[in-house]
Amino acid sequence: MGSSSVIVTFKFDTPDAVIEEHVRATEANGGIIKHRYNAAIKGYSVEIPDDAVQSFSFDDAAIDAVEADGELTTQGQSLLRK
């Protein structure tokens, strides 16, 4: 059984209580919270079992985005040959 890792971000004016409610619902559906974000962005990263993905509801007006978690770099690699 596999899993997917996503980052859920909320609109900056979202009250902490709304975020906590969403976190509890996510955990109740089998999600494992990996990290919480509360400085530059509000949100969390979560590991979701593949067989439970359909049970998650990210259709909430307070949510700004849901995107795949992955590695980011500040240094790009040129694809052009010199």
PDB file of N, CA and C in Angstrom:
ATOM      1  N   MET A   1       0.852  -1.185   0.000  1.00  0.00           N
ATOM      2  CA  MET A   1       0.000   0.000   0.000  1.00  0.00           C
ATOM      3  C   MET A   1       0.891   1.239   0.000  1.00  0.00           C
ATOM      4  N   GLY A   2       0.627   2.173  -0.911  1.00  0.00           N
ATOM      5  CA  GLY A   2       1.410   3.382  -1.018  1.00  0.00           C
ATOM      6  C   GLY A   2       0.719   4.562  -0.367  1.00  0.00           C
ATOM      7  N   SER A   3       1.365   5.700  -0.490  1.00  0.00           N
ATOM      8  CA  SER A   3       0.788   6.922   0.056  1.00  0.00           C
ATOM      9  C   SER A   3       1.239   8.109  -0.771  1.00  0.00           C
ATOM     10  N   SER A   4       0.519   9.198  -0.596  1.00  0.00           N
ATOM     11  CA  SER A   4       0.835  10.448  -1.272  1.00  0.00           C
ATOM     12  C   SER A   4       1.114  11.504  -0.224  1.00  0.00           C
ATOM     13  N   SER A   5       2.017  12.406  -0.514  1.00  0.00           N
ATOM     14  CA  SER A   5       2.337  13.487   0.398  1.00  0.00           C
ATOM     15  C   SER A   5       1.914  14.802  -0.252  1.00  0.00           C
ATOM     16  N   VAL A   6       1.109  15.584   0.465  1.00  0.00           N
ATOM     17  CA  VAL A   6       0.642  16.866  -0.059  1.00  0.00           C
ATOM     18  C   VAL A   6       0.844  17.960   0.977  1.00  0.00           C
ATOM     19  N   ILE A   7       0.873  19.183   0.498  1.00  0.00           N
ATOM     20  CA  ILE A   7       0.918  20.359   1.363  1.00  0.00           C
ATOM     21  C   ILE A   7      -0.409  21.080   1.210  1.00  0.00           C
ATOM     22  N   VAL A   8      -1.041  21.346   2.337  1.00  0.00           N
ATOM     23  CA  VAL A   8      -2.307  22.073   2.374  1.00  0.00           C
ATOM     24  C   VAL A   8      -2.004  23.453   2.945  1.00  0.00           C
ATOM     25  N   THR A   9      -2.307  24.493   2.175  1.00  0.00           N
ATOM     26  CA  THR A   9      -2.105  25.856   2.677  1.00  0.00           C
ATOM     27  C   THR A   9      -3.455  26.557   2.795  1.00  0.00           C
ATOM     28  N   PHE A  10      -3.541  27.403   3.802  1.00  0.00           N
ATOM     29  CA  PHE A  10      -4.758  28.144   4.087  1.00  0.00           C
ATOM     30  C   PHE A  10      -4.557  29.622   3.805  1.00  0.00           C
ATOM     31  N   LYS A  11      -5.648  30.318   3.550  1.00  0.00           N
ATOM     32  CA  LYS A  11      -5.585  31.768   3.401  1.00  0.00           C
ATOM     33  C   LYS A  11      -5.030  32.344   4.698  1.00  0.00           C
ATOM     34  N   PHE A  12      -4.236  33.408   4.583  1.00  0.00           N
ATOM     35  CA  PHE A  12      -3.495  33.917   5.743  1.00  0.00           C
ATOM     36  C   PHE A  12      -4.398  34.382   6.879  1.00  0.00           C
ATOM     37  N   ASP A  13      -5.627  34.793   6.579  1.00  0.00           N
ATOM     38  CA  ASP A  13      -6.517  35.281   7.644  1.00  0.00           C
ATOM     39  C   ASP A  13      -7.364  34.168   8.267  1.00  0.00           C
ATOM     40  N   THR A  14      -7.074  32.910   7.942  1.00  0.00           N
ATOM     41  CA  THR A  14      -7.822  31.782   8.494  1.00  0.00           C
ATOM     42  C   THR A  14      -7.513  31.636   9.980  1.00  0.00           C
ATOM     43  N   PRO A  15      -8.541  31.593  10.825  1.00  0.00           N
ATOM     44  CA  PRO A  15      -8.306  31.418  12.270  1.00  0.00           C
ATOM     45  C   PRO A  15      -7.652  30.063  12.565  1.00  0.00           C
ATOM     46  N   ASP A  16      -6.803  30.032  13.576  1.00  0.00           N
ATOM     47  CA  ASP A  16      -6.121  28.794  13.957  1.00  0.00           C
ATOM     48  C   ASP A  16      -7.106  27.682  14.284  1.00  0.00           C
ATOM     49  N   ALA A  17      -8.244  28.015  14.882  1.00  0.00           N
ATOM     50  CA  ALA A  17      -9.246  27.004  15.241  1.00  0.00           C
ATOM     51  C   ALA A  17      -9.778  26.279  14.002  1.00  0.00           C
ATOM     52  N   VAL A  18      -9.925  26.980  12.891  1.00  0.00           N
ATOM     53  CA  VAL A  18     -10.390  26.367  11.642  1.00  0.00           C
ATOM     54  C   VAL A  18      -9.337  25.401  11.113  1.00  0.00           C
ATOM     55  N   ILE A  19      -8.078  25.798  11.195  1.00  0.00           N
ATOM     56  CA  ILE A  19      -6.986  24.926  10.741  1.00  0.00           C
ATOM     57  C   ILE A  19      -6.915  23.678  11.613  1.00  0.00           C
ATOM     58  N   GLU A  20      -7.036  23.839  12.928  1.00  0.00           N
ATOM     59  CA  GLU A  20      -7.005  22.698  13.846  1.00  0.00           C
ATOM     60  C   GLU A  20      -8.143  21.717  13.561  1.00  0.00           C
ATOM     61  N   GLU A  21      -9.312  22.234  13.264  1.00  0.00           N
ATOM     62  CA  GLU A  21     -10.451  21.381  12.927  1.00  0.00           C
ATOM     63  C   GLU A  21     -10.158  20.561  11.674  1.00  0.00           C
ATOM     64  N   HIS A  22      -9.543  21.203  10.695  1.00  0.00           N
ATOM     65  CA  HIS A  22      -9.195  20.515   9.453  1.00  0.00           C
ATOM     66  C   HIS A  22      -8.129  19.455   9.708  1.00  0.00           C
ATOM     67  N   VAL A  23      -7.146  19.765  10.548  1.00  0.00           N
ATOM     68  CA  VAL A  23      -6.099  18.803  10.889  1.00  0.00           C
ATOM     69  C   VAL A  23      -6.711  17.575  11.564  1.00  0.00           C
ATOM     70  N   ARG A  24      -7.608  17.787  12.525  1.00  0.00           N
ATOM     71  CA  ARG A  24      -8.254  16.656  13.217  1.00  0.00           C
ATOM     72  C   ARG A  24      -9.035  15.778  12.241  1.00  0.00           C
ATOM     73  N   ALA A  25      -9.752  16.400  11.314  1.00  0.00           N
ATOM     74  CA  ALA A  25     -10.518  15.630  10.323  1.00  0.00           C
ATOM     75  C   ALA A  25      -9.584  14.845   9.407  1.00  0.00           C
ATOM     76  N   THR A  26      -8.480  15.442   9.034  1.00  0.00           N
ATOM     77  CA  THR A  26      -7.506  14.780   8.178  1.00  0.00           C
ATOM     78  C   THR A  26      -6.914  13.564   8.889  1.00  0.00           C
ATOM     79  N   GLU A  27      -6.532  13.738  10.157  1.00  0.00           N
ATOM     80  CA  GLU A  27      -5.986  12.622  10.931  1.00  0.00           C
ATOM     81  C   GLU A  27      -7.033  11.521  11.134  1.00  0.00           C
ATOM     82  N   ALA A  28      -8.290  11.900  11.346  1.00  0.00           N
ATOM     83  CA  ALA A  28      -9.361  10.923  11.542  1.00  0.00           C
ATOM     84  C   ALA A  28      -9.571  10.066  10.300  1.00  0.00           C
ATOM     85  N   ASN A  29      -9.204  10.589   9.130  1.00  0.00           N
ATOM     86  CA  ASN A  29      -9.343   9.855   7.867  1.00  0.00           C
ATOM     87  C   ASN A  29      -8.059   9.128   7.466  1.00  0.00           C
ATOM     88  N   GLY A  30      -7.096   9.031   8.401  1.00  0.00           N
ATOM     89  CA  GLY A  30      -5.883   8.263   8.132  1.00  0.00           C
ATOM     90  C   GLY A  30      -4.675   9.070   7.721  1.00  0.00           C
ATOM     91  N   GLY A  31      -4.796  10.392   7.660  1.00  0.00           N
ATOM     92  CA  GLY A  31      -3.659  11.233   7.298  1.00  0.00           C
ATOM     93  C   GLY A  31      -2.677  11.361   8.452  1.00  0.00           C
ATOM     94  N   ILE A  32      -1.396  11.442   8.134  1.00  0.00           N
ATOM     95  CA  ILE A  32      -0.356  11.627   9.144  1.00  0.00           C
ATOM     96  C   ILE A  32       0.286  12.986   8.888  1.00  0.00           C
ATOM     97  N   ILE A  33       0.102  13.903   9.816  1.00  0.00           N
ATOM     98  CA  ILE A  33       0.666  15.252   9.674  1.00  0.00           C
ATOM     99  C   ILE A  33       2.175  15.167   9.843  1.00  0.00           C
ATOM    100  N   LYS A  34       2.900  15.664   8.847  1.00  0.00           N
ATOM    101  CA  LYS A  34       4.363  15.616   8.861  1.00  0.00           C
ATOM    102  C   LYS A  34       4.977  16.913   9.370  1.00  0.00           C
ATOM    103  N   HIS A  35       4.360  18.040   9.020  1.00  0.00           N
ATOM    104  CA  HIS A  35       4.914  19.337   9.420  1.00  0.00           C
ATOM    105  C   HIS A  35       3.802  20.368   9.436  1.00  0.00           C
ATOM    106  N   ARG A  36       3.902  21.315  10.358  1.00  0.00           N
ATOM    107  CA  ARG A  36       2.957  22.437  10.419  1.00  0.00           C
ATOM    108  C   ARG A  36       3.696  23.706   9.989  1.00  0.00           C
ATOM    109  N   TYR A  37       3.007  24.546   9.256  1.00  0.00           N
ATOM    110  CA  TYR A  37       3.563  25.820   8.809  1.00  0.00           C
ATOM    111  C   TYR A  37       2.728  26.943   9.419  1.00  0.00           C
ATOM    112  N   ASN A  38       3.377  27.891  10.073  1.00  0.00           N
ATOM    113  CA  ASN A  38       2.622  28.995  10.672  1.00  0.00           C
ATOM    114  C   ASN A  38       3.374  30.313  10.660  1.00  0.00           C
ATOM    115  N   ALA A  39       4.393  30.427   9.833  1.00  0.00           N
ATOM    116  CA  ALA A  39       5.133  31.691   9.750  1.00  0.00           C
ATOM    117  C   ALA A  39       4.818  32.386   8.423  1.00  0.00           C
ATOM    118  N   ALA A  40       5.542  32.055   7.383  1.00  0.00           N
ATOM    119  CA  ALA A  40       5.330  32.694   6.076  1.00  0.00           C
ATOM    120  C   ALA A  40       4.020  32.238   5.439  1.00  0.00           C
ATOM    121  N   ILE A  41       3.640  30.987   5.715  1.00  0.00           N
ATOM    122  CA  ILE A  41       2.364  30.449   5.229  1.00  0.00           C
ATOM    123  C   ILE A  41       1.679  29.734   6.385  1.00  0.00           C
ATOM    124  N   LYS A  42       0.384  29.530   6.255  1.00  0.00           N
ATOM    125  CA  LYS A  42      -0.367  28.743   7.232  1.00  0.00           C
ATOM    126  C   LYS A  42      -0.759  27.444   6.562  1.00  0.00           C
ATOM    127  N   GLY A  43      -0.448  26.324   7.206  1.00  0.00           N
ATOM    128  CA  GLY A  43      -0.841  25.048   6.643  1.00  0.00           C
ATOM    129  C   GLY A  43      -0.083  23.895   7.244  1.00  0.00           C
ATOM    130  N   TYR A  44      -0.071  22.787   6.514  1.00  0.00           N
ATOM    131  CA  TYR A  44       0.610  21.591   6.979  1.00  0.00           C
ATOM    132  C   TYR A  44       0.899  20.665   5.806  1.00  0.00           C
ATOM    133  N   SER A  45       1.874  19.778   6.016  1.00  0.00           N
ATOM    134  CA  SER A  45       2.107  18.710   5.048  1.00  0.00           C
ATOM    135  C   SER A  45       1.552  17.437   5.664  1.00  0.00           C
ATOM    136  N   VAL A  46       1.005  16.583   4.805  1.00  0.00           N
ATOM    137  CA  VAL A  46       0.349  15.369   5.287  1.00  0.00           C
ATOM    138  C   VAL A  46       0.642  14.209   4.359  1.00  0.00           C
ATOM    139  N   GLU A  47       0.839  13.038   4.949  1.00  0.00           N
ATOM    140  CA  GLU A  47       0.997  11.786   4.219  1.00  0.00           C
ATOM    141  C   GLU A  47      -0.380  11.123   4.195  1.00  0.00           C
ATOM    142  N   ILE A  48      -0.883  10.849   2.987  1.00  0.00           N
ATOM    143  CA  ILE A  48      -2.224  10.301   2.816  1.00  0.00           C
ATOM    144  C   ILE A  48      -2.127   8.900   2.212  1.00  0.00           C
ATOM    145  N   PRO A  49      -2.695   7.886   2.882  1.00  0.00           N
ATOM    146  CA  PRO A  49      -2.702   6.545   2.278  1.00  0.00           C
ATOM    147  C   PRO A  49      -3.451   6.572   0.945  1.00  0.00           C
ATOM    148  N   ASP A  50      -2.875   5.927  -0.071  1.00  0.00           N
ATOM    149  CA  ASP A  50      -3.492   5.930  -1.398  1.00  0.00           C
ATOM    150  C   ASP A  50      -4.923   5.412  -1.385  1.00  0.00           C
ATOM    151  N   ASP A  51      -5.200   4.422  -0.548  1.00  0.00           N
ATOM    152  CA  ASP A  51      -6.551   3.861  -0.527  1.00  0.00           C
ATOM    153  C   ASP A  51      -7.555   4.745   0.218  1.00  0.00           C
ATOM    154  N   ALA A  52      -7.081   5.844   0.818  1.00  0.00           N
ATOM    155  CA  ALA A  52      -7.970   6.736   1.552  1.00  0.00           C
ATOM    156  C   ALA A  52      -8.067   8.135   0.938  1.00  0.00           C
ATOM    157  N   VAL A  53      -7.356   8.343  -0.177  1.00  0.00           N
ATOM    158  CA  VAL A  53      -7.321   9.681  -0.787  1.00  0.00           C
ATOM    159  C   VAL A  53      -8.722  10.212  -1.083  1.00  0.00           C
ATOM    160  N   GLN A  54      -9.606   9.369  -1.570  1.00  0.00           N
ATOM    161  CA  GLN A  54     -10.949   9.818  -1.939  1.00  0.00           C
ATOM    162  C   GLN A  54     -11.770  10.271  -0.733  1.00  0.00           C
ATOM    163  N   SER A  55     -11.395   9.832   0.483  1.00  0.00           N
ATOM    164  CA  SER A  55     -12.157  10.212   1.669  1.00  0.00           C
ATOM    165  C   SER A  55     -11.798  11.610   2.169  1.00  0.00           C
ATOM    166  N   PHE A  56     -10.718  12.177   1.651  1.00  0.00           N
ATOM    167  CA  PHE A  56     -10.293  13.498   2.097  1.00  0.00           C
ATOM    168  C   PHE A  56     -11.054  14.580   1.353  1.00  0.00           C
ATOM    169  N   SER A  57     -11.510  15.567   2.104  1.00  0.00           N
ATOM    170  CA  SER A  57     -12.208  16.690   1.502  1.00  0.00           C
ATOM    171  C   SER A  57     -11.356  17.940   1.675  1.00  0.00           C
ATOM    172  N   PHE A  58     -10.862  18.451   0.570  1.00  0.00           N
ATOM    173  CA  PHE A  58     -10.090  19.689   0.591  1.00  0.00           C
ATOM    174  C   PHE A  58     -10.902  20.812  -0.029  1.00  0.00           C
ATOM    175  N   ASP A  59     -12.212  20.627  -0.085  1.00  0.00           N
ATOM    176  CA  ASP A  59     -13.119  21.627  -0.642  1.00  0.00           C
ATOM    177  C   ASP A  59     -13.609  22.525   0.490  1.00  0.00           C
ATOM    178  N   ASP A  60     -12.789  23.480   0.863  1.00  0.00           N
ATOM    179  CA  ASP A  60     -13.073  24.371   1.985  1.00  0.00           C
ATOM    180  C   ASP A  60     -12.660  25.779   1.557  1.00  0.00           C
ATOM    181  N   ALA A  61     -13.511  26.752   1.805  1.00  0.00           N
ATOM    182  CA  ALA A  61     -13.229  28.130   1.387  1.00  0.00           C
ATOM    183  C   ALA A  61     -11.966  28.694   2.038  1.00  0.00           C
ATOM    184  N   ALA A  62     -11.570  28.153   3.200  1.00  0.00           N
ATOM    185  CA  ALA A  62     -10.382  28.650   3.895  1.00  0.00           C
ATOM    186  C   ALA A  62      -9.088  28.150   3.265  1.00  0.00           C
ATOM    187  N   ILE A  63      -9.173  27.072   2.483  1.00  0.00           N
ATOM    188  CA  ILE A  63      -7.971  26.498   1.877  1.00  0.00           C
ATOM    189  C   ILE A  63      -7.561  27.310   0.663  1.00  0.00           C
ATOM    190  N   ASP A  64      -6.282  27.659   0.646  1.00  0.00           N
ATOM    191  CA  ASP A  64      -5.732  28.412  -0.476  1.00  0.00           C
ATOM    192  C   ASP A  64      -5.253  27.464  -1.571  1.00  0.00           C
ATOM    193  N   ALA A  65      -4.596  26.358  -1.182  1.00  0.00           N
ATOM    194  CA  ALA A  65      -4.074  25.410  -2.180  1.00  0.00           C
ATOM    195  C   ALA A  65      -3.799  24.055  -1.555  1.00  0.00           C
ATOM    196  N   VAL A  66      -3.850  23.029  -2.401  1.00  0.00           N
ATOM    197  CA  VAL A  66      -3.422  21.681  -2.053  1.00  0.00           C
ATOM    198  C   VAL A  66      -2.526  21.242  -3.194  1.00  0.00           C
ATOM    199  N   GLU A  67      -1.276  20.925  -2.874  1.00  0.00           N
ATOM    200  CA  GLU A  67      -0.349  20.548  -3.930  1.00  0.00           C
ATOM    201  C   GLU A  67       0.568  19.428  -3.475  1.00  0.00           C
ATOM    202  N   ALA A  68       1.106  18.714  -4.431  1.00  0.00           N
ATOM    203  CA  ALA A  68       2.019  17.615  -4.122  1.00  0.00           C
ATOM    204  C   ALA A  68       3.242  18.149  -3.397  1.00  0.00           C
ATOM    205  N   ASP A  69       3.636  17.442  -2.355  1.00  0.00           N
ATOM    206  CA  ASP A  69       4.844  17.796  -1.620  1.00  0.00           C
ATOM    207  C   ASP A  69       6.034  17.265  -2.397  1.00  0.00           C
ATOM    208  N   GLY A  70       7.076  18.050  -2.498  1.00  0.00           N
ATOM    209  CA  GLY A  70       8.259  17.614  -3.220  1.00  0.00           C
ATOM    210  C   GLY A  70       9.433  18.507  -2.887  1.00  0.00           C
ATOM    211  N   GLU A  71      10.559  18.144  -3.385  1.00  0.00           N
ATOM    212  CA  GLU A  71      11.774  18.883  -3.125  1.00  0.00           C
ATOM    213  C   GLU A  71      11.829  20.128  -4.007  1.00  0.00           C
ATOM    214  N   LEU A  72      12.160  21.247  -3.399  1.00  0.00           N
ATOM    215  CA  LEU A  72      12.345  22.504  -4.126  1.00  0.00           C
ATOM    216  C   LEU A  72      13.801  22.918  -4.029  1.00  0.00           C
ATOM    217  N   THR A  73      14.297  23.545  -5.076  1.00  0.00           N
ATOM    218  CA  THR A  73      15.665  24.058  -5.022  1.00  0.00           C
ATOM    219  C   THR A  73      15.673  25.503  -5.468  1.00  0.00           C
ATOM    220  N   THR A  74      16.678  26.218  -5.039  1.00  0.00           N
ATOM    221  CA  THR A  74      16.831  27.602  -5.481  1.00  0.00           C
ATOM    222  C   THR A  74      17.817  27.703  -6.613  1.00  0.00           C
ATOM    223  N   GLN A  75      18.463  26.596  -6.929  1.00  0.00           N
ATOM    224  CA  GLN A  75      19.461  26.567  -7.989  1.00  0.00           C
ATOM    225  C   GLN A  75      18.961  25.701  -9.129  1.00  0.00           C
ATOM    226  N   GLY A  76      18.649  26.314 -10.244  1.00  0.00           N
ATOM    227  CA  GLY A  76      18.207  25.560 -11.417  1.00  0.00           C
ATOM    228  C   GLY A  76      19.386  24.992 -12.156  1.00  0.00           C
ATOM    229  N   GLN A  77      19.144  24.007 -12.956  1.00  0.00           N
ATOM    230  CA  GLN A  77      20.192  23.420 -13.770  1.00  0.00           C
ATOM    231  C   GLN A  77      19.901  23.744 -15.220  1.00  0.00           C
ATOM    232  N   SER A  78      20.850  24.302 -15.913  1.00  0.00           N
ATOM    233  CA  SER A  78      20.674  24.664 -17.298  1.00  0.00           C
ATOM    234  C   SER A  78      20.602  23.434 -18.185  1.00  0.00           C
ATOM    235  N   LEU A  79      19.672  23.436 -19.101  1.00  0.00           N
ATOM    236  CA  LEU A  79      19.540  22.339 -20.048  1.00  0.00           C
ATOM    237  C   LEU A  79      20.229  22.641 -21.361  1.00  0.00           C
ATOM    238  N   LEU A  80      20.785  23.839 -21.466  1.00  0.00           N
ATOM    239  CA  LEU A  80      21.472  24.249 -22.690  1.00  0.00           C
ATOM    240  C   LEU A  80      22.942  23.862 -22.622  1.00  0.00           C
ATOM    241  N   ARG A  81      23.451  23.400 -23.736  1.00  0.00           N
ATOM    242  CA  ARG A  81      24.881  23.079 -23.793  1.00  0.00           C
ATOM    243  C   ARG A  81      25.633  24.304 -24.243  1.00  0.00           C
ATOM    244  N   LYS A  82      26.801  24.453 -23.712  1.00  0.00           N
ATOM    245  CA  LYS A  82      27.647  25.590 -24.084  1.00  0.00           C
ATOM    246  C   LYS A  82      28.629  25.205 -25.143  1.00  0.00           C
TER     247      LYS A  82
END
